[in-house]
PDB file of N, CA and C in Angstrom:
ATOM      1  N   MET A   1       0.833  -1.179   0.000  1.00  0.00           N
ATOM      2  CA  MET A   1       0.000   0.000   0.000  1.00  0.00           C
ATOM      3  C   MET A   1       0.881   1.247   0.000  1.00  0.00           C
ATOM      4  N   THR A   2       0.233   2.384  -0.195  1.00  0.00           N
ATOM      5  CA  THR A   2       1.008   3.610  -0.223  1.00  0.00           C
ATOM      6  C   THR A   2       1.383   4.032   1.183  1.00  0.00           C
ATOM      7  N   LYS A   3       2.450   4.779   1.264  1.00  0.00           N
ATOM      8  CA  LYS A   3       2.897   5.293   2.555  1.00  0.00           C
ATOM      9  C   LYS A   3       2.019   6.478   2.942  1.00  0.00           C
ATOM     10  N   PRO A   4       1.844   6.707   4.237  1.00  0.00           N
ATOM     11  CA  PRO A   4       1.066   7.873   4.664  1.00  0.00           C
ATOM     12  C   PRO A   4       1.662   9.148   4.075  1.00  0.00           C
ATOM     13  N   GLY A   5       0.807  10.016   3.593  1.00  0.00           N
ATOM     14  CA  GLY A   5       1.278  11.260   3.009  1.00  0.00           C
ATOM     15  C   GLY A   5       1.387  11.217   1.496  1.00  0.00           C
ATOM     16  N   ASN A   6       1.457  10.036   0.899  1.00  0.00           N
ATOM     17  CA  ASN A   6       1.489   9.935  -0.555  1.00  0.00           C
ATOM     18  C   ASN A   6       0.101  10.188  -1.109  1.00  0.00           C
ATOM     19  N   LYS A   7       0.034  11.023  -2.139  1.00  0.00           N
ATOM     20  CA  LYS A   7      -1.276  11.266  -2.732  1.00  0.00           C
ATOM     21  C   LYS A   7      -1.629  10.114  -3.672  1.00  0.00           C
ATOM     22  N   PRO A   8      -2.913   9.860  -3.854  1.00  0.00           N
ATOM     23  CA  PRO A   8      -3.312   8.753  -4.724  1.00  0.00           C
ATOM     24  C   PRO A   8      -2.999   9.055  -6.190  1.00  0.00           C
ATOM     25  N   TYR A   9      -2.911   7.995  -6.966  1.00  0.00           N
ATOM     26  CA  TYR A   9      -2.688   8.131  -8.400  1.00  0.00           C
ATOM     27  C   TYR A   9      -3.955   8.644  -9.068  1.00  0.00           C
ATOM     28  N   GLN A  10      -3.776   9.495 -10.077  1.00  0.00           N
ATOM     29  CA  GLN A  10      -4.898   9.937 -10.904  1.00  0.00           C
ATOM     30  C   GLN A  10      -5.166   8.852 -11.934  1.00  0.00           C
ATOM     31  N   ILE A  11      -6.420   8.689 -12.309  1.00  0.00           N
ATOM     32  CA  ILE A  11      -6.801   7.697 -13.304  1.00  0.00           C
ATOM     33  C   ILE A  11      -7.264   8.425 -14.556  1.00  0.00           C
ATOM     34  N   GLU A  12      -6.744   8.011 -15.704  1.00  0.00           N
ATOM     35  CA  GLU A  12      -7.249   8.522 -16.975  1.00  0.00           C
ATOM     36  C   GLU A  12      -7.497   7.334 -17.898  1.00  0.00           C
ATOM     37  N   TYR A  13      -8.408   7.509 -18.833  1.00  0.00           N
ATOM     38  CA  TYR A  13      -8.816   6.440 -19.736  1.00  0.00           C
ATOM     39  C   TYR A  13      -8.533   6.856 -21.174  1.00  0.00           C
ATOM     40  N   LEU A  14      -8.083   5.906 -21.990  1.00  0.00           N
ATOM     41  CA  LEU A  14      -8.023   6.173 -23.419  1.00  0.00           C
ATOM     42  C   LEU A  14      -9.450   6.331 -23.926  1.00  0.00           C
ATOM     43  N   ASP A  15      -9.626   7.095 -24.998  1.00  0.00           N
ATOM     44  CA  ASP A  15     -10.970   7.327 -25.537  1.00  0.00           C
ATOM     45  C   ASP A  15     -11.684   6.027 -25.889  1.00  0.00           C
ATOM     46  N   ILE A  16     -10.964   5.068 -26.446  1.00  0.00           N
ATOM     47  CA  ILE A  16     -11.587   3.806 -26.855  1.00  0.00           C
ATOM     48  C   ILE A  16     -12.143   3.032 -25.665  1.00  0.00           C
ATOM     49  N   VAL A  17     -11.528   3.180 -24.518  1.00  0.00           N
ATOM     50  CA  VAL A  17     -12.035   2.513 -23.311  1.00  0.00           C
ATOM     51  C   VAL A  17     -13.391   3.104 -22.935  1.00  0.00           C
ATOM     52  N   VAL A  18     -13.499   4.420 -22.991  1.00  0.00           N
ATOM     53  CA  VAL A  18     -14.740   5.100 -22.614  1.00  0.00           C
ATOM     54  C   VAL A  18     -15.843   4.845 -23.641  1.00  0.00           C
ATOM     55  N   THR A  19     -15.502   4.860 -24.921  1.00  0.00           N
ATOM     56  CA  THR A  19     -16.527   4.735 -25.961  1.00  0.00           C
ATOM     57  C   THR A  19     -16.884   3.296 -26.311  1.00  0.00           C
ATOM     58  N   THR A  20     -15.961   2.356 -26.127  1.00  0.00           N
ATOM     59  CA  THR A  20     -16.204   0.978 -26.564  1.00  0.00           C
ATOM     60  C   THR A  20     -16.174  -0.034 -25.430  1.00  0.00           C
ATOM     61  N   ASP A  21     -15.093  -0.067 -24.665  1.00  0.00           N
ATOM     62  CA  ASP A  21     -14.923  -1.124 -23.654  1.00  0.00           C
ATOM     63  C   ASP A  21     -15.940  -1.031 -22.515  1.00  0.00           C
ATOM     64  N   ILE A  22     -16.079   0.124 -21.910  1.00  0.00           N
ATOM     65  CA  ILE A  22     -16.969   0.266 -20.752  1.00  0.00           C
ATOM     66  C   ILE A  22     -18.437   0.030 -21.123  1.00  0.00           C
ATOM     67  N   PRO A  23     -18.947   0.600 -22.220  1.00  0.00           N
ATOM     68  CA  PRO A  23     -20.349   0.336 -22.561  1.00  0.00           C
ATOM     69  C   PRO A  23     -20.665  -1.142 -22.818  1.00  0.00           C
ATOM     70  N   ARG A  24     -19.692  -1.927 -23.230  1.00  0.00           N
ATOM     71  CA  ARG A  24     -19.917  -3.347 -23.516  1.00  0.00           C
ATOM     72  C   ARG A  24     -19.900  -4.229 -22.270  1.00  0.00           C
ATOM     73  N   LEU A  25     -19.473  -3.695 -21.146  1.00  0.00           N
ATOM     74  CA  LEU A  25     -19.392  -4.497 -19.922  1.00  0.00           C
ATOM     75  C   LEU A  25     -20.775  -4.771 -19.344  1.00  0.00           C
ATOM     76  N   PRO A  26     -20.971  -5.964 -18.764  1.00  0.00           N
ATOM     77  CA  PRO A  26     -22.219  -6.212 -18.036  1.00  0.00           C
ATOM     78  C   PRO A  26     -22.334  -5.228 -16.866  1.00  0.00           C
ATOM     79  N   LYS A  27     -23.560  -4.890 -16.503  1.00  0.00           N
ATOM     80  CA  LYS A  27     -23.806  -3.869 -15.480  1.00  0.00           C
ATOM     81  C   LYS A  27     -23.098  -4.181 -14.157  1.00  0.00           C
ATOM     82  N   LYS A  28     -23.194  -5.424 -13.685  1.00  0.00           N
ATOM     83  CA  LYS A  28     -22.552  -5.788 -12.417  1.00  0.00           C
ATOM     84  C   LYS A  28     -21.031  -5.674 -12.510  1.00  0.00           C
ATOM     85  N   MET A  29     -20.489  -6.010 -13.674  1.00  0.00           N
ATOM     86  CA  MET A  29     -19.040  -5.945 -13.850  1.00  0.00           C
ATOM     87  C   MET A  29     -18.560  -4.496 -13.868  1.00  0.00           C
ATOM     88  N   LYS A  30     -19.360  -3.592 -14.408  1.00  0.00           N
ATOM     89  CA  LYS A  30     -18.986  -2.172 -14.394  1.00  0.00           C
ATOM     90  C   LYS A  30     -18.758  -1.702 -12.958  1.00  0.00           C
ATOM     91  N   LEU A  31     -19.650  -2.097 -12.073  1.00  0.00           N
ATOM     92  CA  LEU A  31     -19.532  -1.694 -10.672  1.00  0.00           C
ATOM     93  C   LEU A  31     -18.298  -2.314 -10.020  1.00  0.00           C
ATOM     94  N   ARG A  32     -18.050  -3.604 -10.280  1.00  0.00           N
ATOM     95  CA  ARG A  32     -16.865  -4.267  -9.710  1.00  0.00           C
ATOM     96  C   ARG A  32     -15.580  -3.623 -10.203  1.00  0.00           C
ATOM     97  N   ILE A  33     -15.543  -3.294 -11.481  1.00  0.00           N
ATOM     98  CA  ILE A  33     -14.342  -2.679 -12.056  1.00  0.00           C
ATOM     99  C   ILE A  33     -14.149  -1.272 -11.492  1.00  0.00           C
ATOM    100  N   LYS A  34     -15.227  -0.530 -11.356  1.00  0.00           N
ATOM    101  CA  LYS A  34     -15.128   0.816 -10.773  1.00  0.00           C
ATOM    102  C   LYS A  34     -14.562   0.742  -9.357  1.00  0.00           C
ATOM    103  N   ARG A  35     -15.061  -0.204  -8.579  1.00  0.00           N
ATOM    104  CA  ARG A  35     -14.557  -0.371  -7.208  1.00  0.00           C
ATOM    105  C   ARG A  35     -13.087  -0.778  -7.200  1.00  0.00           C
ATOM    106  N   ALA A  36     -12.697  -1.657  -8.121  1.00  0.00           N
ATOM    107  CA  ALA A  36     -11.296  -2.092  -8.198  1.00  0.00           C
ATOM    108  C   ALA A  36     -10.383  -0.917  -8.539  1.00  0.00           C
ATOM    109  N   ILE A  37     -10.833  -0.069  -9.437  1.00  0.00           N
ATOM    110  CA  ILE A  37     -10.038   1.108  -9.806  1.00  0.00           C
ATOM    111  C   ILE A  37      -9.878   2.023  -8.598  1.00  0.00           C
ATOM    112  N   GLU A  38     -10.988   2.309  -7.924  1.00  0.00           N
ATOM    113  CA  GLU A  38     -10.944   3.223  -6.779  1.00  0.00           C
ATOM    114  C   GLU A  38     -10.155   2.649  -5.605  1.00  0.00           C
ATOM    115  N   ALA A  39     -10.321   1.354  -5.342  1.00  0.00           N
ATOM    116  CA  ALA A  39      -9.695   0.753  -4.162  1.00  0.00           C
ATOM    117  C   ALA A  39      -8.264   0.292  -4.402  1.00  0.00           C
ATOM    118  N   ARG A  40      -7.960  -0.120  -5.623  1.00  0.00           N
ATOM    119  CA  ARG A  40      -6.641  -0.708  -5.858  1.00  0.00           C
ATOM    120  C   ARG A  40      -5.734   0.165  -6.708  1.00  0.00           C
ATOM    121  N   LEU A  41      -6.198   0.577  -7.874  1.00  0.00           N
ATOM    122  CA  LEU A  41      -5.307   1.300  -8.788  1.00  0.00           C
ATOM    123  C   LEU A  41      -4.921   2.678  -8.281  1.00  0.00           C
ATOM    124  N   THR A  42      -5.820   3.371  -7.618  1.00  0.00           N
ATOM    125  CA  THR A  42      -5.468   4.712  -7.142  1.00  0.00           C
ATOM    126  C   THR A  42      -4.452   4.663  -6.008  1.00  0.00           C
ATOM    127  N   LEU A  43      -4.433   3.563  -5.262  1.00  0.00           N
ATOM    128  CA  LEU A  43      -3.539   3.468  -4.106  1.00  0.00           C
ATOM    129  C   LEU A  43      -2.206   2.795  -4.407  1.00  0.00           C
ATOM    130  N   ASP A  44      -2.237   1.675  -5.121  1.00  0.00           N
ATOM    131  CA  ASP A  44      -1.003   0.914  -5.344  1.00  0.00           C
ATOM    132  C   ASP A  44      -1.030   0.182  -6.684  1.00  0.00           C
ATOM    133  N   PRO A  45      -0.937   0.910  -7.800  1.00  0.00           N
ATOM    134  CA  PRO A  45      -1.015   0.256  -9.106  1.00  0.00           C
ATOM    135  C   PRO A  45       0.174  -0.652  -9.404  1.00  0.00           C
ATOM    136  N   VAL A  46       1.304  -0.413  -8.759  1.00  0.00           N
ATOM    137  CA  VAL A  46       2.491  -1.234  -9.002  1.00  0.00           C
ATOM    138  C   VAL A  46       2.383  -2.561  -8.261  1.00  0.00           C
ATOM    139  N   GLY A  47       2.024  -2.508  -7.000  1.00  0.00           N
ATOM    140  CA  GLY A  47       1.991  -3.713  -6.178  1.00  0.00           C
ATOM    141  C   GLY A  47       0.823  -4.633  -6.453  1.00  0.00           C
ATOM    142  N   LEU A  48      -0.278  -4.085  -6.947  1.00  0.00           N
ATOM    143  CA  LEU A  48      -1.478  -4.900  -7.114  1.00  0.00           C
ATOM    144  C   LEU A  48      -1.704  -5.397  -8.536  1.00  0.00           C
ATOM    145  N   GLY A  49      -1.004  -4.845  -9.502  1.00  0.00           N
ATOM    146  CA  GLY A  49      -1.133  -5.310 -10.881  1.00  0.00           C
ATOM    147  C   GLY A  49       0.085  -6.115 -11.277  1.00  0.00           C
ATOM    148  N   ARG A  50      -0.097  -6.997 -12.244  1.00  0.00           N
ATOM    149  CA  ARG A  50       1.027  -7.817 -12.708  1.00  0.00           C
ATOM    150  C   ARG A  50       1.614  -7.230 -13.985  1.00  0.00           C
ATOM    151  N   PRO A  51       2.936  -7.247 -14.118  1.00  0.00           N
ATOM    152  CA  PRO A  51       3.552  -6.733 -15.345  1.00  0.00           C
ATOM    153  C   PRO A  51       3.285  -7.672 -16.517  1.00  0.00           C
ATOM    154  N   LEU A  52       3.161  -7.084 -17.697  1.00  0.00           N
ATOM    155  CA  LEU A  52       2.956  -7.868 -18.911  1.00  0.00           C
ATOM    156  C   LEU A  52       4.269  -7.975 -19.672  1.00  0.00           C
ATOM    157  N   ARG A  53       4.326  -8.929 -20.594  1.00  0.00           N
ATOM    158  CA  ARG A  53       5.569  -9.186 -21.330  1.00  0.00           C
ATOM    159  C   ARG A  53       5.353  -9.064 -22.832  1.00  0.00           C
ATOM    160  N   TYR A  54       6.456  -9.255 -23.539  1.00  0.00           N
ATOM    161  CA  TYR A  54       6.494  -9.277 -25.002  1.00  0.00           C
ATOM    162  C   TYR A  54       6.002  -7.952 -25.577  1.00  0.00           C
ATOM    163  N   SER A  55       4.983  -7.964 -26.424  1.00  0.00           N
ATOM    164  CA  SER A  55       4.548  -6.719 -27.060  1.00  0.00           C
ATOM    165  C   SER A  55       3.838  -5.785 -26.078  1.00  0.00           C
ATOM    166  N   PHE A  56       3.545  -6.270 -24.874  1.00  0.00           N
ATOM    167  CA  PHE A  56       2.895  -5.451 -23.853  1.00  0.00           C
ATOM    168  C   PHE A  56       3.872  -4.997 -22.767  1.00  0.00           C
ATOM    169  N   THR A  57       5.169  -5.094 -23.009  1.00  0.00           N
ATOM    170  CA  THR A  57       6.165  -4.664 -22.029  1.00  0.00           C
ATOM    171  C   THR A  57       5.920  -3.196 -21.664  1.00  0.00           C
ATOM    172  N   GLY A  58       6.001  -2.898 -20.383  1.00  0.00           N
ATOM    173  CA  GLY A  58       5.748  -1.541 -19.907  1.00  0.00           C
ATOM    174  C   GLY A  58       4.318  -1.332 -19.443  1.00  0.00           C
ATOM    175  N   HIS A  59       3.485  -2.327 -19.686  1.00  0.00           N
ATOM    176  CA  HIS A  59       2.092  -2.275 -19.254  1.00  0.00           C
ATOM    177  C   HIS A  59       1.882  -3.274 -18.124  1.00  0.00           C
ATOM    178  N   ARG A  60       0.805  -3.085 -17.404  1.00  0.00           N
ATOM    179  CA  ARG A  60       0.442  -3.997 -16.317  1.00  0.00           C
ATOM    180  C   ARG A  60      -1.010  -4.398 -16.499  1.00  0.00           C
ATOM    181  N   ARG A  61      -1.411  -5.440 -15.775  1.00  0.00           N
ATOM    182  CA  ARG A  61      -2.809  -5.853 -15.840  1.00  0.00           C
ATOM    183  C   ARG A  61      -3.351  -6.072 -14.443  1.00  0.00           C
ATOM    184  N   LEU A  62      -4.628  -5.809 -14.313  1.00  0.00           N
ATOM    185  CA  LEU A  62      -5.338  -6.059 -13.067  1.00  0.00           C
ATOM    186  C   LEU A  62      -6.502  -6.978 -13.395  1.00  0.00           C
ATOM    187  N   ARG A  63      -6.620  -8.046 -12.652  1.00  0.00           N
ATOM    188  CA  ARG A  63      -7.683  -9.032 -12.863  1.00  0.00           C
ATOM    189  C   ARG A  63      -8.881  -8.676 -11.993  1.00  0.00           C
ATOM    190  N   VAL A  64     -10.052  -8.640 -12.620  1.00  0.00           N
ATOM    191  CA  VAL A  64     -11.310  -8.430 -11.904  1.00  0.00           C
ATOM    192  C   VAL A  64     -12.279  -9.487 -12.433  1.00  0.00           C
ATOM    193  N   GLY A  65     -12.413 -10.581 -11.710  1.00  0.00           N
ATOM    194  CA  GLY A  65     -13.233 -11.695 -12.189  1.00  0.00           C
ATOM    195  C   GLY A  65     -12.652 -12.248 -13.476  1.00  0.00           C
ATOM    196  N   ASP A  66     -13.487 -12.383 -14.501  1.00  0.00           N
ATOM    197  CA  ASP A  66     -13.036 -12.873 -15.803  1.00  0.00           C
ATOM    198  C   ASP A  66     -12.582 -11.741 -16.720  1.00  0.00           C
ATOM    199  N   TYR A  67     -12.511 -10.539 -16.200  1.00  0.00           N
ATOM    200  CA  TYR A  67     -12.112  -9.383 -16.997  1.00  0.00           C
ATOM    201  C   TYR A  67     -10.713  -8.928 -16.600  1.00  0.00           C
ATOM    202  N   ARG A  68     -10.040  -8.295 -17.568  1.00  0.00           N
ATOM    203  CA  ARG A  68      -8.692  -7.788 -17.347  1.00  0.00           C
ATOM    204  C   ARG A  68      -8.654  -6.315 -17.728  1.00  0.00           C
ATOM    205  N   MET A  69      -7.946  -5.559 -16.917  1.00  0.00           N
ATOM    206  CA  MET A  69      -7.701  -4.165 -17.186  1.00  0.00           C
ATOM    207  C   MET A  69      -6.222  -4.015 -17.512  1.00  0.00           C
ATOM    208  N   VAL A  70      -5.899  -3.487 -18.664  1.00  0.00           N
ATOM    209  CA  VAL A  70      -4.504  -3.242 -19.032  1.00  0.00           C
ATOM    210  C   VAL A  70      -4.254  -1.749 -18.843  1.00  0.00           C
ATOM    211  N   TYR A  71      -3.150  -1.430 -18.151  1.00  0.00           N
ATOM    212  CA  TYR A  71      -2.868  -0.031 -17.860  1.00  0.00           C
ATOM    213  C   TYR A  71      -1.370   0.235 -17.866  1.00  0.00           C
ATOM    214  N   ARG A  72      -1.061   1.527 -17.905  1.00  0.00           N
ATOM    215  CA  ARG A  72       0.321   2.005 -17.908  1.00  0.00           C
ATOM    216  C   ARG A  72       0.450   3.003 -16.758  1.00  0.00           C
ATOM    217  N   ILE A  73       1.615   3.017 -16.122  1.00  0.00           N
ATOM    218  CA  ILE A  73       1.825   3.896 -14.965  1.00  0.00           C
ATOM    219  C   ILE A  73       2.876   4.954 -15.293  1.00  0.00           C
ATOM    220  N   ASN A  74       2.586   6.196 -14.932  1.00  0.00           N
ATOM    221  CA  ASN A  74       3.566   7.275 -14.980  1.00  0.00           C
ATOM    222  C   ASN A  74       3.819   7.666 -13.526  1.00  0.00           C
ATOM    223  N   ARG A  75       4.913   7.179 -12.973  1.00  0.00           N
ATOM    224  CA  ARG A  75       5.190   7.393 -11.541  1.00  0.00           C
ATOM    225  C   ARG A  75       5.525   8.841 -11.217  1.00  0.00           C
ATOM    226  N   GLN A  76       6.195   9.543 -12.130  1.00  0.00           N
ATOM    227  CA  GLN A  76       6.553  10.936 -11.857  1.00  0.00           C
ATOM    228  C   GLN A  76       5.301  11.803 -11.719  1.00  0.00           C
ATOM    229  N   LYS A  77       4.322  11.583 -12.589  1.00  0.00           N
ATOM    230  CA  LYS A  77       3.082  12.365 -12.544  1.00  0.00           C
ATOM    231  C   LYS A  77       2.015  11.718 -11.667  1.00  0.00           C
ATOM    232  N   ARG A  78       2.328  10.526 -11.128  1.00  0.00           N
ATOM    233  CA  ARG A  78       1.377   9.750 -10.317  1.00  0.00           C
ATOM    234  C   ARG A  78       0.055   9.587 -11.064  1.00  0.00           C
ATOM    235  N   LYS A  79       0.187   9.057 -12.296  1.00  0.00           N
ATOM    236  CA  LYS A  79      -0.964   8.897 -13.167  1.00  0.00           C
ATOM    237  C   LYS A  79      -1.019   7.470 -13.703  1.00  0.00           C
ATOM    238  N   VAL A  80      -2.219   6.895 -13.743  1.00  0.00           N
ATOM    239  CA  VAL A  80      -2.457   5.577 -14.326  1.00  0.00           C
ATOM    240  C   VAL A  80      -3.348   5.783 -15.543  1.00  0.00           C
ATOM    241  N   THR A  81      -2.906   5.279 -16.699  1.00  0.00           N
ATOM    242  CA  THR A  81      -3.702   5.360 -17.917  1.00  0.00           C
ATOM    243  C   THR A  81      -4.248   3.979 -18.232  1.00  0.00           C
ATOM    244  N   ILE A  82      -5.556   3.859 -18.258  1.00  0.00           N
ATOM    245  CA  ILE A  82      -6.190   2.581 -18.568  1.00  0.00           C
ATOM    246  C   ILE A  82      -6.293   2.457 -20.079  1.00  0.00           C
ATOM    247  N   ILE A  83      -5.683   1.380 -20.599  1.00  0.00           N
ATOM    248  CA  ILE A  83      -5.573   1.152 -22.037  1.00  0.00           C
ATOM    249  C   ILE A  83      -6.747   0.334 -22.566  1.00  0.00           C
ATOM    250  N   ALA A  84      -7.193  -0.657 -21.794  1.00  0.00           N
ATOM    251  CA  ALA A  84      -8.277  -1.541 -22.237  1.00  0.00           C
ATOM    252  C   ALA A  84      -8.913  -2.227 -21.035  1.00  0.00           C
ATOM    253  N   ILE A  85     -10.203  -2.541 -21.171  1.00  0.00           N
ATOM    254  CA  ILE A  85     -10.928  -3.350 -20.188  1.00  0.00           C
ATOM    255  C   ILE A  85     -11.764  -4.332 -20.995  1.00  0.00           C
ATOM    256  N   LYS A  86     -11.362  -5.605 -20.964  1.00  0.00           N
ATOM    257  CA  LYS A  86     -12.066  -6.609 -21.771  1.00  0.00           C
ATOM    258  C   LYS A  86     -12.072  -7.956 -21.069  1.00  0.00           C
ATOM    259  N   HIS A  87     -12.889  -8.849 -21.598  1.00  0.00           N
ATOM    260  CA  HIS A  87     -12.928 -10.227 -21.103  1.00  0.00           C
ATOM    261  C   HIS A  87     -11.570 -10.867 -21.349  1.00  0.00           C
ATOM    262  N   ARG A  88     -11.198 -11.793 -20.497  1.00  0.00           N
ATOM    263  CA  ARG A  88      -9.868 -12.410 -20.585  1.00  0.00           C
ATOM    264  C   ARG A  88      -9.628 -13.107 -21.915  1.00  0.00           C
ATOM    265  N   LYS A  89     -10.674 -13.563 -22.592  1.00  0.00           N
ATOM    266  CA  LYS A  89     -10.515 -14.227 -23.890  1.00  0.00           C
ATOM    267  C   LYS A  89     -10.212 -13.238 -25.008  1.00  0.00           C
ATOM    268  N   GLU A  90     -10.535 -11.971 -24.801  1.00  0.00           N
ATOM    269  CA  GLU A  90     -10.395 -10.967 -25.858  1.00  0.00           C
ATOM    270  C   GLU A  90      -9.261  -9.976 -25.633  1.00  0.00           C
ATOM    271  N   ILE A  91      -8.790  -9.844 -24.425  1.00  0.00           N
ATOM    272  CA  ILE A  91      -7.920  -8.724 -24.069  1.00  0.00           C
ATOM    273  C   ILE A  91      -6.590  -8.692 -24.820  1.00  0.00           C
ATOM    274  N   TYR A  92      -5.987  -9.822 -25.074  1.00  0.00           N
ATOM    275  CA  TYR A  92      -4.643  -9.818 -25.663  1.00  0.00           C
ATOM    276  C   TYR A  92      -4.645 -10.017 -27.172  1.00  0.00           C
ATOM    277  N   LYS A  93      -5.795  -9.985 -27.812  1.00  0.00           N
ATOM    278  CA  LYS A  93      -5.877 -10.177 -29.270  1.00  0.00           C
ATOM    279  C   LYS A  93      -5.479  -8.924 -29.994  1.00  0.00           C
TER     280      LYS A  93
END
């Protein structure tokens, strides 16, 4: 977790996530993902997400049920950019 006094990370979304990925999510999953972002990504995106490899080097993923969130971290600006939110069968295609 973050140390006392550290401000939380800001969350930003790519346009495609807002226009395509989020609207396609089931209603219950939208709520679970929102909670995961607020509770986990804003506080400790490095410790709670797993690093990706190969063509996704530099990105991390967070698992929420059968869905995966792929994101990138800018530690200097304390910003997390969400790249995609999709079902685990579709996310890496």
